PDB file of N, CA and C in Angstrom:
ATOM      1  N   MET A   1     -54.215  -2.246 -25.074  1.00  0.00           N
ATOM      2  CA  MET A   1     -53.366  -2.501 -23.913  1.00  0.00           C
ATOM      3  C   MET A   1     -54.017  -1.862 -22.680  1.00  0.00           C
ATOM      4  N   ASP A   2     -53.986  -2.565 -21.592  1.00  0.00           N
ATOM      5  CA  ASP A   2     -54.519  -2.124 -20.308  1.00  0.00           C
ATOM      6  C   ASP A   2     -53.786  -0.846 -19.850  1.00  0.00           C
ATOM      7  N   PRO A   3     -54.478   0.090 -19.197  1.00  0.00           N
ATOM      8  CA  PRO A   3     -53.829   1.321 -18.734  1.00  0.00           C
ATOM      9  C   PRO A   3     -52.637   1.072 -17.796  1.00  0.00           C
ATOM     10  N   VAL A   4     -52.737   0.059 -16.957  1.00  0.00           N
ATOM     11  CA  VAL A   4     -51.621  -0.262 -16.062  1.00  0.00           C
ATOM     12  C   VAL A   4     -50.432  -0.747 -16.880  1.00  0.00           C
ATOM     13  N   GLU A   5     -50.687  -1.596 -17.865  1.00  0.00           N
ATOM     14  CA  GLU A   5     -49.607  -2.076 -18.736  1.00  0.00           C
ATOM     15  C   GLU A   5     -48.953  -0.911 -19.476  1.00  0.00           C
ATOM     16  N   LYS A   6     -49.762   0.023 -19.966  1.00  0.00           N
ATOM     17  CA  LYS A   6     -49.234   1.198 -20.656  1.00  0.00           C
ATOM     18  C   LYS A   6     -48.334   2.010 -19.733  1.00  0.00           C
ATOM     19  N   ASP A   7     -48.797   2.216 -18.502  1.00  0.00           N
ATOM     20  CA  ASP A   7     -48.028   3.000 -17.532  1.00  0.00           C
ATOM     21  C   ASP A   7     -46.686   2.356 -17.243  1.00  0.00           C
ATOM     22  N   ILE A   8     -46.695   1.061 -16.967  1.00  0.00           N
ATOM     23  CA  ILE A   8     -45.449   0.351 -16.650  1.00  0.00           C
ATOM     24  C   ILE A   8     -44.533   0.335 -17.868  1.00  0.00           C
ATOM     25  N   GLN A   9     -45.085   0.104 -19.044  1.00  0.00           N
ATOM     26  CA  GLN A   9     -44.282   0.096 -20.260  1.00  0.00           C
ATOM     27  C   GLN A   9     -43.628   1.466 -20.478  1.00  0.00           C
ATOM     28  N   ALA A  10     -44.359   2.528 -20.181  1.00  0.00           N
ATOM     29  CA  ALA A  10     -43.815   3.876 -20.349  1.00  0.00           C
ATOM     30  C   ALA A  10     -42.663   4.143 -19.382  1.00  0.00           C
ATOM     31  N   ARG A  11     -42.702   3.484 -18.230  1.00  0.00           N
ATOM     32  CA  ARG A  11     -41.656   3.690 -17.223  1.00  0.00           C
ATOM     33  C   ARG A  11     -40.627   2.570 -17.181  1.00  0.00           C
ATOM     34  N   LYS A  12     -40.699   1.638 -18.125  1.00  0.00           N
ATOM     35  CA  LYS A  12     -39.821   0.470 -18.119  1.00  0.00           C
ATOM     36  C   LYS A  12     -38.349   0.851 -18.019  1.00  0.00           C
ATOM     37  N   ASN A  13     -37.897   1.754 -18.863  1.00  0.00           N
ATOM     38  CA  ASN A  13     -36.485   2.139 -18.845  1.00  0.00           C
ATOM     39  C   ASN A  13     -36.083   2.787 -17.525  1.00  0.00           C
ATOM     40  N   GLU A  14     -36.990   3.559 -16.940  1.00  0.00           N
ATOM     41  CA  GLU A  14     -36.729   4.183 -15.642  1.00  0.00           C
ATOM     42  C   GLU A  14     -36.585   3.114 -14.555  1.00  0.00           C
ATOM     43  N   ILE A  15     -37.449   2.124 -14.580  1.00  0.00           N
ATOM     44  CA  ILE A  15     -37.393   1.038 -13.593  1.00  0.00           C
ATOM     45  C   ILE A  15     -36.075   0.276 -13.739  1.00  0.00           C
ATOM     46  N   ILE A  16     -35.706  -0.043 -14.971  1.00  0.00           N
ATOM     47  CA  ILE A  16     -34.444  -0.748 -15.217  1.00  0.00           C
ATOM     48  C   ILE A  16     -33.272   0.088 -14.723  1.00  0.00           C
ATOM     49  N   SER A  17     -33.305   1.365 -15.012  1.00  0.00           N
ATOM     50  CA  SER A  17     -32.236   2.265 -14.572  1.00  0.00           C
ATOM     51  C   SER A  17     -32.123   2.299 -13.050  1.00  0.00           C
ATOM     52  N   GLU A  18     -33.251   2.317 -12.369  1.00  0.00           N
ATOM     53  CA  GLU A  18     -33.247   2.342 -10.900  1.00  0.00           C
ATOM     54  C   GLU A  18     -32.682   1.048 -10.326  1.00  0.00           C
ATOM     55  N   VAL A  19     -33.028  -0.084 -10.924  1.00  0.00           N
ATOM     56  CA  VAL A  19     -32.505  -1.367 -10.453  1.00  0.00           C
ATOM     57  C   VAL A  19     -30.990  -1.403 -10.641  1.00  0.00           C
ATOM     58  N   LYS A  20     -30.525  -0.950 -11.813  1.00  0.00           N
ATOM     59  CA  LYS A  20     -29.078  -0.904 -12.057  1.00  0.00           C
ATOM     60  C   LYS A  20     -28.384   0.037 -11.076  1.00  0.00           C
ATOM     61  N   ALA A  21     -29.037   1.133 -10.727  1.00  0.00           N
ATOM     62  CA  ALA A  21     -28.454   2.086  -9.782  1.00  0.00           C
ATOM     63  C   ALA A  21     -28.269   1.448  -8.407  1.00  0.00           C
ATOM     64  N   VAL A  22     -29.250   0.663  -7.976  1.00  0.00           N
ATOM     65  CA  VAL A  22     -29.128  -0.036  -6.690  1.00  0.00           C
ATOM     66  C   VAL A  22     -27.945  -1.006  -6.740  1.00  0.00           C
ATOM     67  N   PHE A  23     -27.836  -1.739  -7.841  1.00  0.00           N
ATOM     68  CA  PHE A  23     -26.729  -2.680  -8.012  1.00  0.00           C
ATOM     69  C   PHE A  23     -25.380  -1.947  -7.965  1.00  0.00           C
ATOM     70  N   LYS A  24     -25.252  -0.883  -8.749  1.00  0.00           N
ATOM     71  CA  LYS A  24     -23.981  -0.160  -8.828  1.00  0.00           C
ATOM     72  C   LYS A  24     -23.624   0.499  -7.498  1.00  0.00           C
ATOM     73  N   THR A  25     -24.614   0.993  -6.782  1.00  0.00           N
ATOM     74  CA  THR A  25     -24.369   1.581  -5.468  1.00  0.00           C
ATOM     75  C   THR A  25     -23.788   0.541  -4.524  1.00  0.00           C
ATOM     76  N   ASN A  26     -24.336  -0.654  -4.555  1.00  0.00           N
ATOM     77  CA  ASN A  26     -23.833  -1.713  -3.682  1.00  0.00           C
ATOM     78  C   ASN A  26     -22.452  -2.186  -4.107  1.00  0.00           C
ATOM     79  N   MET A  27     -22.165  -2.153  -5.401  1.00  0.00           N
ATOM     80  CA  MET A  27     -20.801  -2.458  -5.861  1.00  0.00           C
ATOM     81  C   MET A  27     -19.819  -1.435  -5.292  1.00  0.00           C
ATOM     82  N   LYS A  28     -20.197  -0.158  -5.315  1.00  0.00           N
ATOM     83  CA  LYS A  28     -19.335   0.892  -4.756  1.00  0.00           C
ATOM     84  C   LYS A  28     -19.106   0.662  -3.266  1.00  0.00           C
ATOM     85  N   PHE A  29     -20.172   0.329  -2.537  1.00  0.00           N
ATOM     86  CA  PHE A  29     -20.021   0.077  -1.103  1.00  0.00           C
ATOM     87  C   PHE A  29     -19.016  -1.035  -0.855  1.00  0.00           C
ATOM     88  N   THR A  30     -19.094  -2.090  -1.649  1.00  0.00           N
ATOM     89  CA  THR A  30     -18.157  -3.203  -1.486  1.00  0.00           C
ATOM     90  C   THR A  30     -16.732  -2.746  -1.770  1.00  0.00           C
ATOM     91  N   ASP A  31     -16.553  -1.967  -2.820  1.00  0.00           N
ATOM     92  CA  ASP A  31     -15.212  -1.454  -3.131  1.00  0.00           C
ATOM     93  C   ASP A  31     -14.679  -0.577  -2.007  1.00  0.00           C
ATOM     94  N   TRP A  32     -15.546   0.220  -1.392  1.00  0.00           N
ATOM     95  CA  TRP A  32     -15.119   1.071  -0.281  1.00  0.00           C
ATOM     96  C   TRP A  32     -14.789   0.235   0.956  1.00  0.00           C
ATOM     97  N   ASP A  33     -15.615  -0.766   1.233  1.00  0.00           N
ATOM     98  CA  ASP A  33     -15.459  -1.562   2.445  1.00  0.00           C
ATOM     99  C   ASP A  33     -14.372  -2.622   2.331  1.00  0.00           C
ATOM    100  N   VAL A  34     -14.136  -3.119   1.122  1.00  0.00           N
ATOM    101  CA  VAL A  34     -13.184  -4.204   0.903  1.00  0.00           C
ATOM    102  C   VAL A  34     -12.265  -3.792  -0.254  1.00  0.00           C
ATOM    103  N   PRO A  35     -11.176  -3.094   0.054  1.00  0.00           N
ATOM    104  CA  PRO A  35     -10.311  -2.561  -1.003  1.00  0.00           C
ATOM    105  C   PRO A  35      -9.816  -3.594  -2.011  1.00  0.00           C
ATOM    106  N   GLU A  36      -9.558  -4.798  -1.591  1.00  0.00           N
ATOM    107  CA  GLU A  36      -9.052  -5.836  -2.493  1.00  0.00           C
ATOM    108  C   GLU A  36     -10.165  -6.780  -2.943  1.00  0.00           C
ATOM    109  N   ALA A  37     -11.368  -6.262  -3.021  1.00  0.00           N
ATOM    110  CA  ALA A  37     -12.529  -7.097  -3.328  1.00  0.00           C
ATOM    111  C   ALA A  37     -12.432  -7.714  -4.719  1.00  0.00           C
ATOM    112  N   ASP A  38     -12.907  -8.928  -4.824  1.00  0.00           N
ATOM    113  CA  ASP A  38     -13.088  -9.595  -6.113  1.00  0.00           C
ATOM    114  C   ASP A  38     -14.420  -9.054  -6.660  1.00  0.00           C
ATOM    115  N   ASP A  39     -14.336  -8.161  -7.622  1.00  0.00           N
ATOM    116  CA  ASP A  39     -15.534  -7.475  -8.103  1.00  0.00           C
ATOM    117  C   ASP A  39     -16.545  -8.422  -8.744  1.00  0.00           C
ATOM    118  N   ARG A  40     -16.070  -9.424  -9.438  1.00  0.00           N
ATOM    119  CA  ARG A  40     -17.016 -10.371 -10.040  1.00  0.00           C
ATOM    120  C   ARG A  40     -17.779 -11.120  -8.947  1.00  0.00           C
ATOM    121  N   LEU A  41     -17.071 -11.565  -7.919  1.00  0.00           N
ATOM    122  CA  LEU A  41     -17.732 -12.255  -6.807  1.00  0.00           C
ATOM    123  C   LEU A  41     -18.721 -11.317  -6.135  1.00  0.00           C
ATOM    124  N   ALA A  42     -18.312 -10.084  -5.911  1.00  0.00           N
ATOM    125  CA  ALA A  42     -19.211  -9.104  -5.293  1.00  0.00           C
ATOM    126  C   ALA A  42     -20.470  -8.943  -6.140  1.00  0.00           C
ATOM    127  N   ALA A  43     -20.291  -8.814  -7.450  1.00  0.00           N
ATOM    128  CA  ALA A  43     -21.431  -8.645  -8.347  1.00  0.00           C
ATOM    129  C   ALA A  43     -22.369  -9.843  -8.264  1.00  0.00           C
ATOM    130  N   GLU A  44     -21.805 -11.036  -8.279  1.00  0.00           N
ATOM    131  CA  GLU A  44     -22.635 -12.237  -8.214  1.00  0.00           C
ATOM    132  C   GLU A  44     -23.402 -12.317  -6.902  1.00  0.00           C
ATOM    133  N   LEU A  45     -22.742 -11.967  -5.796  1.00  0.00           N
ATOM    134  CA  LEU A  45     -23.405 -12.021  -4.489  1.00  0.00           C
ATOM    135  C   LEU A  45     -24.484 -10.953  -4.364  1.00  0.00           C
ATOM    136  N   ILE A  46     -24.211  -9.768  -4.896  1.00  0.00           N
ATOM    137  CA  ILE A  46     -25.222  -8.701  -4.870  1.00  0.00           C
ATOM    138  C   ILE A  46     -26.435  -9.120  -5.685  1.00  0.00           C
ATOM    139  N   ILE A  47     -26.201  -9.706  -6.855  1.00  0.00           N
ATOM    140  CA  ILE A  47     -27.308 -10.190  -7.683  1.00  0.00           C
ATOM    141  C   ILE A  47     -28.114 -11.246  -6.930  1.00  0.00           C
ATOM    142  N   GLN A  48     -27.440 -12.127  -6.200  1.00  0.00           N
ATOM    143  CA  GLN A  48     -28.158 -13.142  -5.418  1.00  0.00           C
ATOM    144  C   GLN A  48     -29.075 -12.491  -4.401  1.00  0.00           C
ATOM    145  N   VAL A  49     -28.570 -11.485  -3.702  1.00  0.00           N
ATOM    146  CA  VAL A  49     -29.375 -10.805  -2.687  1.00  0.00           C
ATOM    147  C   VAL A  49     -30.545 -10.073  -3.347  1.00  0.00           C
ATOM    148  N   MET A  50     -30.267  -9.410  -4.473  1.00  0.00           N
ATOM    149  CA  MET A  50     -31.341  -8.714  -5.177  1.00  0.00           C
ATOM    150  C   MET A  50     -32.396  -9.697  -5.666  1.00  0.00           C
ATOM    151  N   GLN A  51     -31.963 -10.866  -6.134  1.00  0.00           N
ATOM    152  CA  GLN A  51     -32.909 -11.889  -6.588  1.00  0.00           C
ATOM    153  C   GLN A  51     -33.759 -12.390  -5.426  1.00  0.00           C
ATOM    154  N   GLU A  52     -33.135 -12.569  -4.248  1.00  0.00           N
ATOM    155  CA  GLU A  52     -33.898 -12.970  -3.061  1.00  0.00           C
ATOM    156  C   GLU A  52     -34.975 -11.934  -2.762  1.00  0.00           C
ATOM    157  N   ALA A  53     -34.606 -10.658  -2.848  1.00  0.00           N
ATOM    158  CA  ALA A  53     -35.578  -9.593  -2.587  1.00  0.00           C
ATOM    159  C   ALA A  53     -36.706  -9.628  -3.607  1.00  0.00           C
ATOM    160  N   LEU A  54     -36.361  -9.821  -4.886  1.00  0.00           N
ATOM    161  CA  LEU A  54     -37.393  -9.908  -5.926  1.00  0.00           C
ATOM    162  C   LEU A  54     -38.297 -11.118  -5.698  1.00  0.00           C
ATOM    163  N   ASP A  55     -37.708 -12.240  -5.310  1.00  0.00           N
ATOM    164  CA  ASP A  55     -38.502 -13.439  -5.032  1.00  0.00           C
ATOM    165  C   ASP A  55     -39.454 -13.200  -3.860  1.00  0.00           C
ATOM    166  N   MET A  56     -38.969 -12.490  -2.833  1.00  0.00           N
ATOM    167  CA  MET A  56     -39.840 -12.174  -1.695  1.00  0.00           C
ATOM    168  C   MET A  56     -40.991 -11.274  -2.140  1.00  0.00           C
ATOM    169  N   LEU A  57     -40.676 -10.255  -2.937  1.00  0.00           N
ATOM    170  CA  LEU A  57     -41.719  -9.373  -3.442  1.00  0.00           C
ATOM    171  C   LEU A  57     -42.729 -10.128  -4.294  1.00  0.00           C
ATOM    172  N   LYS A  58     -42.228 -11.025  -5.128  1.00  0.00           N
ATOM    173  CA  LYS A  58     -43.116 -11.823  -5.973  1.00  0.00           C
ATOM    174  C   LYS A  58     -44.070 -12.649  -5.105  1.00  0.00           C
ATOM    175  N   GLY A  59     -43.539 -13.240  -4.045  1.00  0.00           N
ATOM    176  CA  GLY A  59     -44.375 -14.003  -3.125  1.00  0.00           C
ATOM    177  C   GLY A  59     -45.428 -13.133  -2.468  1.00  0.00           C
ATOM    178  N   GLU A  60     -45.046 -11.928  -2.076  1.00  0.00           N
ATOM    179  CA  GLU A  60     -46.004 -11.007  -1.473  1.00  0.00           C
ATOM    180  C   GLU A  60     -47.105 -10.637  -2.467  1.00  0.00           C
ATOM    181  N   VAL A  61     -46.716 -10.418  -3.728  1.00  0.00           N
ATOM    182  CA  VAL A  61     -47.710 -10.118  -4.771  1.00  0.00           C
ATOM    183  C   VAL A  61     -48.673 -11.280  -4.917  1.00  0.00           C
ATOM    184  N   GLU A  62     -48.137 -12.494  -4.969  1.00  0.00           N
ATOM    185  CA  GLU A  62     -48.974 -13.690  -5.131  1.00  0.00           C
ATOM    186  C   GLU A  62     -49.900 -13.893  -3.933  1.00  0.00           C
ATOM    187  N   GLU A  63     -49.444 -13.467  -2.756  1.00  0.00           N
ATOM    188  CA  GLU A  63     -50.283 -13.580  -1.533  1.00  0.00           C
ATOM    189  C   GLU A  63     -51.337 -12.483  -1.467  1.00  0.00           C
ATOM    190  N   GLY A  64     -51.254 -11.491  -2.352  1.00  0.00           N
ATOM    191  CA  GLY A  64     -52.253 -10.429  -2.362  1.00  0.00           C
ATOM    192  C   GLY A  64     -51.881  -9.204  -1.561  1.00  0.00           C
ATOM    193  N   THR A  65     -50.656  -9.133  -1.079  1.00  0.00           N
ATOM    194  CA  THR A  65     -50.224  -8.010  -0.241  1.00  0.00           C
ATOM    195  C   THR A  65     -50.440  -6.661  -0.917  1.00  0.00           C
ATOM    196  N   TYR A  66     -50.294  -6.602  -2.222  1.00  0.00           N
ATOM    197  CA  TYR A  66     -50.386  -5.327  -2.934  1.00  0.00           C
ATOM    198  C   TYR A  66     -51.663  -5.183  -3.753  1.00  0.00           C
ATOM    199  N   ASP A  67     -52.651  -6.015  -3.468  1.00  0.00           N
ATOM    200  CA  ASP A  67     -53.906  -5.950  -4.214  1.00  0.00           C
ATOM    201  C   ASP A  67     -54.625  -4.611  -4.025  1.00  0.00           C
ATOM    202  N   THR A  68     -54.447  -4.006  -2.875  1.00  0.00           N
ATOM    203  CA  THR A  68     -55.079  -2.706  -2.603  1.00  0.00           C
ATOM    204  C   THR A  68     -54.034  -1.730  -2.094  1.00  0.00           C
ATOM    205  N   TYR A  69     -52.955  -1.604  -2.809  1.00  0.00           N
ATOM    206  CA  TYR A  69     -51.851  -0.731  -2.426  1.00  0.00           C
ATOM    207  C   TYR A  69     -52.283   0.672  -2.656  1.00  0.00           C
TER     208      TYR A  69
END
């Protein structure tokens, strides 16, 4: 296995945990800002925004933005 693959695999759970933390933080913000919020709708909309961000990052990777990070 490539050293980069090993490194990412070793941190996989940490990365997943961080992504979930961002999601949960935004759920809390919605609950604070909108007391009668539909939590399922909030979750779906937050996931959409997070997916947009991931898609943008993926595009940047494909364009070579992080080739020499």
